[in-house]
Amino acid sequence: MKRKEEEQALIDLANEARKRAYVPYSHYRVGAALRTKNGRIFTGVNVESAAYPTTMCAERVAIYKAVSEGEREFEVMAVVTDNGGSPCGSCRQVMAEFGLEMRVLIANGEGEIVKEMTVAELLPEAFTPKHLENG
Protein backbone atom coordinates (compact mmCIF):
# COMPACT_ATOMS: atom_id res chain seq x y z
CA MET A 1 0.00 0.00 0.00
CA LYS A 2 1.30 3.46 -0.82
CA ARG A 3 2.00 5.99 1.93
CA LYS A 4 -1.03 8.21 1.17
CA GLU A 5 -3.33 5.17 1.12
CA GLU A 6 -1.86 3.96 4.44
CA GLU A 7 -2.36 7.41 5.95
CA GLN A 8 -5.95 7.57 4.75
CA ALA A 9 -6.65 4.10 6.15
CA LEU A 10 -5.30 5.26 9.53
CA ILE A 11 -7.44 8.40 9.40
CA ASP A 12 -10.48 6.30 8.54
CA LEU A 13 -9.83 4.04 11.55
CA ALA A 14 -9.54 7.08 13.83
CA ASN A 15 -12.71 8.56 12.38
CA GLU A 16 -14.57 5.29 12.91
CA ALA A 17 -13.26 4.98 16.47
CA ARG A 18 -14.43 8.54 17.15
CA LYS A 19 -18.02 7.30 16.98
CA ARG A 20 -17.39 5.35 20.20
CA ALA A 21 -16.15 8.36 22.21
CA TYR A 22 -17.84 8.94 25.56
CA VAL A 23 -18.48 12.70 25.55
CA PRO A 24 -21.69 13.50 27.45
CA TYR A 25 -20.38 16.93 28.55
CA SER A 26 -18.36 18.51 25.73
CA HIS A 27 -19.89 16.51 22.85
CA TYR A 28 -16.45 16.90 21.21
CA ARG A 29 -15.62 13.48 19.79
CA VAL A 30 -11.98 12.61 19.20
CA GLY A 31 -10.63 9.46 17.64
CA ALA A 32 -7.01 8.40 17.32
CA ALA A 33 -5.27 5.59 15.47
CA LEU A 34 -1.62 4.82 16.19
CA ARG A 35 0.63 2.68 14.01
CA THR A 36 3.72 1.21 15.63
CA LYS A 37 7.00 0.63 13.83
CA ASN A 38 6.03 -3.08 13.87
CA GLY A 39 2.89 -2.23 11.88
CA ARG A 40 0.41 -2.83 14.69
CA ILE A 41 -2.47 -0.39 15.00
CA PHE A 42 -4.13 0.79 18.19
CA THR A 43 -7.15 3.08 18.36
CA GLY A 44 -8.38 5.35 21.11
CA VAL A 45 -11.28 7.65 21.91
CA ASN A 46 -11.75 10.40 24.44
CA VAL A 47 -13.54 9.35 27.61
CA GLU A 48 -15.05 12.13 29.71
CA SER A 49 -15.94 12.08 33.39
CA ALA A 50 -18.20 14.23 35.54
CA ALA A 51 -15.01 14.96 37.49
CA TYR A 52 -13.51 16.83 34.53
CA PRO A 53 -9.79 16.49 35.38
CA THR A 54 -10.07 12.71 35.16
CA THR A 55 -11.11 12.82 31.50
CA MET A 56 -8.74 10.96 29.16
CA CYS A 57 -7.89 11.99 25.60
CA ALA A 58 -8.04 9.67 22.59
CA GLU A 59 -4.35 10.10 21.79
CA ARG A 60 -3.22 8.93 25.22
CA VAL A 61 -5.72 6.05 25.22
CA ALA A 62 -4.19 4.77 21.96
CA ILE A 63 -0.64 5.16 23.28
CA TYR A 64 -1.45 3.50 26.61
CA LYS A 65 -3.13 0.58 24.82
CA ALA A 66 -0.03 0.12 22.67
CA VAL A 67 2.33 0.31 25.64
CA SER A 68 0.17 -2.16 27.59
CA GLU A 69 0.64 -4.58 24.68
CA GLY A 70 4.43 -4.21 24.72
CA GLU A 71 4.87 -1.58 22.00
CA ARG A 72 7.17 1.40 22.57
CA GLU A 73 8.16 2.54 19.07
CA PHE A 74 5.60 4.50 17.13
CA GLU A 75 5.60 5.61 13.52
CA VAL A 76 2.48 7.69 12.93
CA MET A 77 -0.72 8.74 14.69
CA ALA A 78 -3.92 10.02 13.10
CA VAL A 79 -6.13 12.29 15.22
CA VAL A 80 -9.64 13.12 14.01
CA THR A 81 -12.13 15.67 15.32
CA ASP A 82 -15.04 17.44 13.65
CA ASN A 83 -12.94 20.54 13.05
CA GLY A 84 -9.38 19.22 12.88
CA GLY A 85 -8.48 20.19 16.46
CA SER A 86 -4.91 19.72 17.60
CA PRO A 87 -3.75 17.45 20.46
CA CYS A 88 -3.65 19.01 23.93
CA GLY A 89 -0.46 19.68 25.84
CA SER A 90 -0.70 16.53 27.95
CA CYS A 91 -1.03 14.38 24.84
CA ARG A 92 1.89 16.16 23.19
CA GLN A 93 4.05 15.44 26.24
CA VAL A 94 3.13 11.74 26.26
CA MET A 95 3.84 11.54 22.51
CA ALA A 96 7.26 13.12 23.12
CA GLU A 97 8.03 10.41 25.68
CA PHE A 98 8.09 7.86 22.87
CA GLY A 99 9.91 9.84 20.19
CA LEU A 100 9.96 13.26 18.62
CA GLU A 101 10.14 11.82 15.09
CA MET A 102 6.64 10.28 15.13
CA ARG A 103 4.40 11.85 12.50
CA VAL A 104 1.01 13.22 13.55
CA LEU A 105 -1.81 13.53 11.03
CA ILE A 106 -4.58 15.87 12.15
CA ALA A 107 -7.81 15.44 10.22
CA ASN A 108 -11.35 16.75 10.27
CA GLY A 109 -14.57 14.75 10.41
CA GLU A 110 -14.60 14.50 6.62
CA GLY A 111 -11.34 12.56 6.80
CA GLU A 112 -9.29 15.37 5.26
CA ILE A 113 -5.82 16.07 6.62
CA VAL A 114 -5.68 19.65 7.87
CA LYS A 115 -2.14 19.43 9.25
CA GLU A 116 0.75 16.97 9.27
CA MET A 117 3.77 17.37 11.49
CA THR A 118 6.21 15.53 13.71
CA VAL A 119 5.93 15.48 17.49
CA ALA A 120 9.03 17.71 17.56
CA GLU A 121 7.14 20.30 15.51
CA LEU A 122 4.04 19.86 17.65
CA LEU A 123 6.00 20.31 20.89
CA PRO A 124 9.15 22.40 20.35
CA GLU A 125 11.69 22.29 23.19
CA ALA A 126 10.04 19.12 24.53
CA PHE A 127 11.06 17.76 27.92
CA THR A 128 12.12 14.18 27.21
CA PRO A 129 13.73 11.28 29.10
CA LYS A 130 17.19 12.55 28.07
CA HIS A 131 16.66 15.56 30.36
CA LEU A 132 16.58 13.21 33.35
CA GLU A 133 19.94 11.58 32.59
CA ASN A 134 22.59 12.21 35.25
CA GLY A 135 20.20 14.24 37.43
C-alpha atoms as a PDB file:
ATOM      1  CA  MET A   1       0.000   0.000   0.000  1.00  0.00           C
ATOM      2  CA  LYS A   2       1.296   3.459  -0.823  1.00  0.00           C
ATOM      3  CA  ARG A   3       2.004   5.988   1.930  1.00  0.00           C
ATOM      4  CA  LYS A   4      -1.033   8.210   1.171  1.00  0.00           C
ATOM      5  CA  GLU A   5      -3.328   5.170   1.122  1.00  0.00           C
ATOM      6  CA  GLU A   6      -1.863   3.957   4.435  1.00  0.00           C
ATOM      7  CA  GLU A   7      -2.357   7.409   5.949  1.00  0.00           C
ATOM      8  CA  GLN A   8      -5.954   7.566   4.750  1.00  0.00           C
ATOM      9  CA  ALA A   9      -6.645   4.100   6.154  1.00  0.00           C
ATOM     10  CA  LEU A  10      -5.297   5.258   9.533  1.00  0.00           C
ATOM     11  CA  ILE A  11      -7.438   8.400   9.401  1.00  0.00           C
ATOM     12  CA  ASP A  12     -10.478   6.304   8.539  1.00  0.00           C
ATOM     13  CA  LEU A  13      -9.832   4.043  11.552  1.00  0.00           C
ATOM     14  CA  ALA A  14      -9.536   7.083  13.829  1.00  0.00           C
ATOM     15  CA  ASN A  15     -12.710   8.563  12.381  1.00  0.00           C
ATOM     16  CA  GLU A  16     -14.567   5.288  12.907  1.00  0.00           C
ATOM     17  CA  ALA A  17     -13.255   4.980  16.473  1.00  0.00           C
ATOM     18  CA  ARG A  18     -14.431   8.544  17.148  1.00  0.00           C
ATOM     19  CA  LYS A  19     -18.021   7.304  16.978  1.00  0.00           C
ATOM     20  CA  ARG A  20     -17.387   5.350  20.195  1.00  0.00           C
ATOM     21  CA  ALA A  21     -16.152   8.356  22.205  1.00  0.00           C
ATOM     22  CA  TYR A  22     -17.838   8.940  25.555  1.00  0.00           C
ATOM     23  CA  VAL A  23     -18.477  12.697  25.547  1.00  0.00           C
ATOM     24  CA  PRO A  24     -21.685  13.504  27.452  1.00  0.00           C
ATOM     25  CA  TYR A  25     -20.377  16.933  28.547  1.00  0.00           C
ATOM     26  CA  SER A  26     -18.360  18.509  25.730  1.00  0.00           C
ATOM     27  CA  HIS A  27     -19.893  16.514  22.853  1.00  0.00           C
ATOM     28  CA  TYR A  28     -16.446  16.898  21.214  1.00  0.00           C
ATOM     29  CA  ARG A  29     -15.624  13.484  19.792  1.00  0.00           C
ATOM     30  CA  VAL A  30     -11.977  12.612  19.203  1.00  0.00           C
ATOM     31  CA  GLY A  31     -10.630   9.455  17.642  1.00  0.00           C
ATOM     32  CA  ALA A  32      -7.011   8.398  17.319  1.00  0.00           C
ATOM     33  CA  ALA A  33      -5.267   5.593  15.468  1.00  0.00           C
ATOM     34  CA  LEU A  34      -1.625   4.821  16.192  1.00  0.00           C
ATOM     35  CA  ARG A  35       0.631   2.679  14.010  1.00  0.00           C
ATOM     36  CA  THR A  36       3.721   1.213  15.626  1.00  0.00           C
ATOM     37  CA  LYS A  37       6.996   0.628  13.828  1.00  0.00           C
ATOM     38  CA  ASN A  38       6.026  -3.076  13.872  1.00  0.00           C
ATOM     39  CA  GLY A  39       2.892  -2.229  11.875  1.00  0.00           C
ATOM     40  CA  ARG A  40       0.414  -2.834  14.687  1.00  0.00           C
ATOM     41  CA  ILE A  41      -2.468  -0.394  14.997  1.00  0.00           C
ATOM     42  CA  PHE A  42      -4.131   0.794  18.192  1.00  0.00           C
ATOM     43  CA  THR A  43      -7.145   3.077  18.362  1.00  0.00           C
ATOM     44  CA  GLY A  44      -8.378   5.347  21.112  1.00  0.00           C
ATOM     45  CA  VAL A  45     -11.282   7.647  21.907  1.00  0.00           C
ATOM     46  CA  ASN A  46     -11.747  10.402  24.440  1.00  0.00           C
ATOM     47  CA  VAL A  47     -13.541   9.346  27.606  1.00  0.00           C
ATOM     48  CA  GLU A  48     -15.054  12.133  29.712  1.00  0.00           C
ATOM     49  CA  SER A  49     -15.936  12.077  33.392  1.00  0.00           C
ATOM     50  CA  ALA A  50     -18.197  14.226  35.541  1.00  0.00           C
ATOM     51  CA  ALA A  51     -15.006  14.962  37.490  1.00  0.00           C
ATOM     52  CA  TYR A  52     -13.508  16.831  34.532  1.00  0.00           C
ATOM     53  CA  PRO A  53      -9.793  16.492  35.377  1.00  0.00           C
ATOM     54  CA  THR A  54     -10.065  12.713  35.157  1.00  0.00           C
ATOM     55  CA  THR A  55     -11.106  12.819  31.503  1.00  0.00           C
ATOM     56  CA  MET A  56      -8.742  10.956  29.159  1.00  0.00           C
ATOM     57  CA  CYS A  57      -7.888  11.991  25.595  1.00  0.00           C
ATOM     58  CA  ALA A  58      -8.040   9.671  22.591  1.00  0.00           C
ATOM     59  CA  GLU A  59      -4.354  10.102  21.791  1.00  0.00           C
ATOM     60  CA  ARG A  60      -3.223   8.932  25.221  1.00  0.00           C
ATOM     61  CA  VAL A  61      -5.724   6.051  25.218  1.00  0.00           C
ATOM     62  CA  ALA A  62      -4.190   4.769  21.956  1.00  0.00           C
ATOM     63  CA  ILE A  63      -0.639   5.160  23.282  1.00  0.00           C
ATOM     64  CA  TYR A  64      -1.451   3.496  26.610  1.00  0.00           C
ATOM     65  CA  LYS A  65      -3.129   0.579  24.822  1.00  0.00           C
ATOM     66  CA  ALA A  66      -0.027   0.116  22.674  1.00  0.00           C
ATOM     67  CA  VAL A  67       2.335   0.307  25.644  1.00  0.00           C
ATOM     68  CA  SER A  68       0.173  -2.162  27.594  1.00  0.00           C
ATOM     69  CA  GLU A  69       0.636  -4.585  24.675  1.00  0.00           C
ATOM     70  CA  GLY A  70       4.435  -4.212  24.720  1.00  0.00           C
ATOM     71  CA  GLU A  71       4.871  -1.583  21.997  1.00  0.00           C
ATOM     72  CA  ARG A  72       7.172   1.396  22.574  1.00  0.00           C
ATOM     73  CA  GLU A  73       8.165   2.536  19.071  1.00  0.00           C
ATOM     74  CA  PHE A  74       5.600   4.501  17.131  1.00  0.00           C
ATOM     75  CA  GLU A  75       5.602   5.607  13.522  1.00  0.00           C
ATOM     76  CA  VAL A  76       2.479   7.687  12.932  1.00  0.00           C
ATOM     77  CA  MET A  77      -0.716   8.744  14.689  1.00  0.00           C
ATOM     78  CA  ALA A  78      -3.917  10.024  13.105  1.00  0.00           C
ATOM     79  CA  VAL A  79      -6.130  12.286  15.218  1.00  0.00           C
ATOM     80  CA  VAL A  80      -9.638  13.120  14.005  1.00  0.00           C
ATOM     81  CA  THR A  81     -12.134  15.671  15.322  1.00  0.00           C
ATOM     82  CA  ASP A  82     -15.036  17.440  13.653  1.00  0.00           C
ATOM     83  CA  ASN A  83     -12.941  20.536  13.049  1.00  0.00           C
ATOM     84  CA  GLY A  84      -9.380  19.215  12.883  1.00  0.00           C
ATOM     85  CA  GLY A  85      -8.481  20.190  16.455  1.00  0.00           C
ATOM     86  CA  SER A  86      -4.911  19.722  17.597  1.00  0.00           C
ATOM     87  CA  PRO A  87      -3.748  17.445  20.456  1.00  0.00           C
ATOM     88  CA  CYS A  88      -3.652  19.011  23.928  1.00  0.00           C
ATOM     89  CA  GLY A  89      -0.457  19.683  25.844  1.00  0.00           C
ATOM     90  CA  SER A  90      -0.696  16.526  27.950  1.00  0.00           C
ATOM     91  CA  CYS A  91      -1.030  14.382  24.837  1.00  0.00           C
ATOM     92  CA  ARG A  92       1.888  16.157  23.191  1.00  0.00           C
ATOM     93  CA  GLN A  93       4.047  15.443  26.239  1.00  0.00           C
ATOM     94  CA  VAL A  94       3.130  11.737  26.256  1.00  0.00           C
ATOM     95  CA  MET A  95       3.837  11.545  22.507  1.00  0.00           C
ATOM     96  CA  ALA A  96       7.261  13.119  23.119  1.00  0.00           C
ATOM     97  CA  GLU A  97       8.033  10.412  25.684  1.00  0.00           C
ATOM     98  CA  PHE A  98       8.094   7.860  22.866  1.00  0.00           C
ATOM     99  CA  GLY A  99       9.915   9.837  20.188  1.00  0.00           C
ATOM    100  CA  LEU A 100       9.965  13.257  18.624  1.00  0.00           C
ATOM    101  CA  GLU A 101      10.135  11.825  15.092  1.00  0.00           C
ATOM    102  CA  MET A 102       6.642  10.279  15.129  1.00  0.00           C
ATOM    103  CA  ARG A 103       4.403  11.850  12.500  1.00  0.00           C
ATOM    104  CA  VAL A 104       1.011  13.217  13.546  1.00  0.00           C
ATOM    105  CA  LEU A 105      -1.815  13.525  11.035  1.00  0.00           C
ATOM    106  CA  ILE A 106      -4.577  15.873  12.147  1.00  0.00           C
ATOM    107  CA  ALA A 107      -7.807  15.445  10.215  1.00  0.00           C
ATOM    108  CA  ASN A 108     -11.350  16.755  10.270  1.00  0.00           C
ATOM    109  CA  GLY A 109     -14.567  14.754  10.408  1.00  0.00           C
ATOM    110  CA  GLU A 110     -14.605  14.497   6.623  1.00  0.00           C
ATOM    111  CA  GLY A 111     -11.338  12.557   6.802  1.00  0.00           C
ATOM    112  CA  GLU A 112      -9.290  15.372   5.259  1.00  0.00           C
ATOM    113  CA  ILE A 113      -5.820  16.073   6.617  1.00  0.00           C
ATOM    114  CA  VAL A 114      -5.678  19.650   7.873  1.00  0.00           C
ATOM    115  CA  LYS A 115      -2.140  19.435   9.249  1.00  0.00           C
ATOM    116  CA  GLU A 116       0.749  16.971   9.265  1.00  0.00           C
ATOM    117  CA  MET A 117       3.773  17.370  11.492  1.00  0.00           C
ATOM    118  CA  THR A 118       6.207  15.534  13.715  1.00  0.00           C
ATOM    119  CA  VAL A 119       5.931  15.477  17.488  1.00  0.00           C
ATOM    120  CA  ALA A 120       9.032  17.714  17.561  1.00  0.00           C
ATOM    121  CA  GLU A 121       7.144  20.302  15.512  1.00  0.00           C
ATOM    122  CA  LEU A 122       4.039  19.859  17.648  1.00  0.00           C
ATOM    123  CA  LEU A 123       5.998  20.310  20.893  1.00  0.00           C
ATOM    124  CA  PRO A 124       9.145  22.396  20.355  1.00  0.00           C
ATOM    125  CA  GLU A 125      11.689  22.289  23.192  1.00  0.00           C
ATOM    126  CA  ALA A 126      10.043  19.117  24.527  1.00  0.00           C
ATOM    127  CA  PHE A 127      11.057  17.762  27.921  1.00  0.00           C
ATOM    128  CA  THR A 128      12.121  14.179  27.214  1.00  0.00           C
ATOM    129  CA  PRO A 129      13.733  11.278  29.104  1.00  0.00           C
ATOM    130  CA  LYS A 130      17.185  12.547  28.070  1.00  0.00           C
ATOM    131  CA  HIS A 131      16.661  15.562  30.358  1.00  0.00           C
ATOM    132  CA  LEU A 132      16.578  13.210  33.350  1.00  0.00           C
ATOM    133  CA  GLU A 133      19.939  11.577  32.593  1.00  0.00           C
ATOM    134  CA  ASN A 134      22.590  12.211  35.251  1.00  0.00           C
ATOM    135  CA  GLY A 135      20.204  14.241  37.429  1.00  0.00           C
END
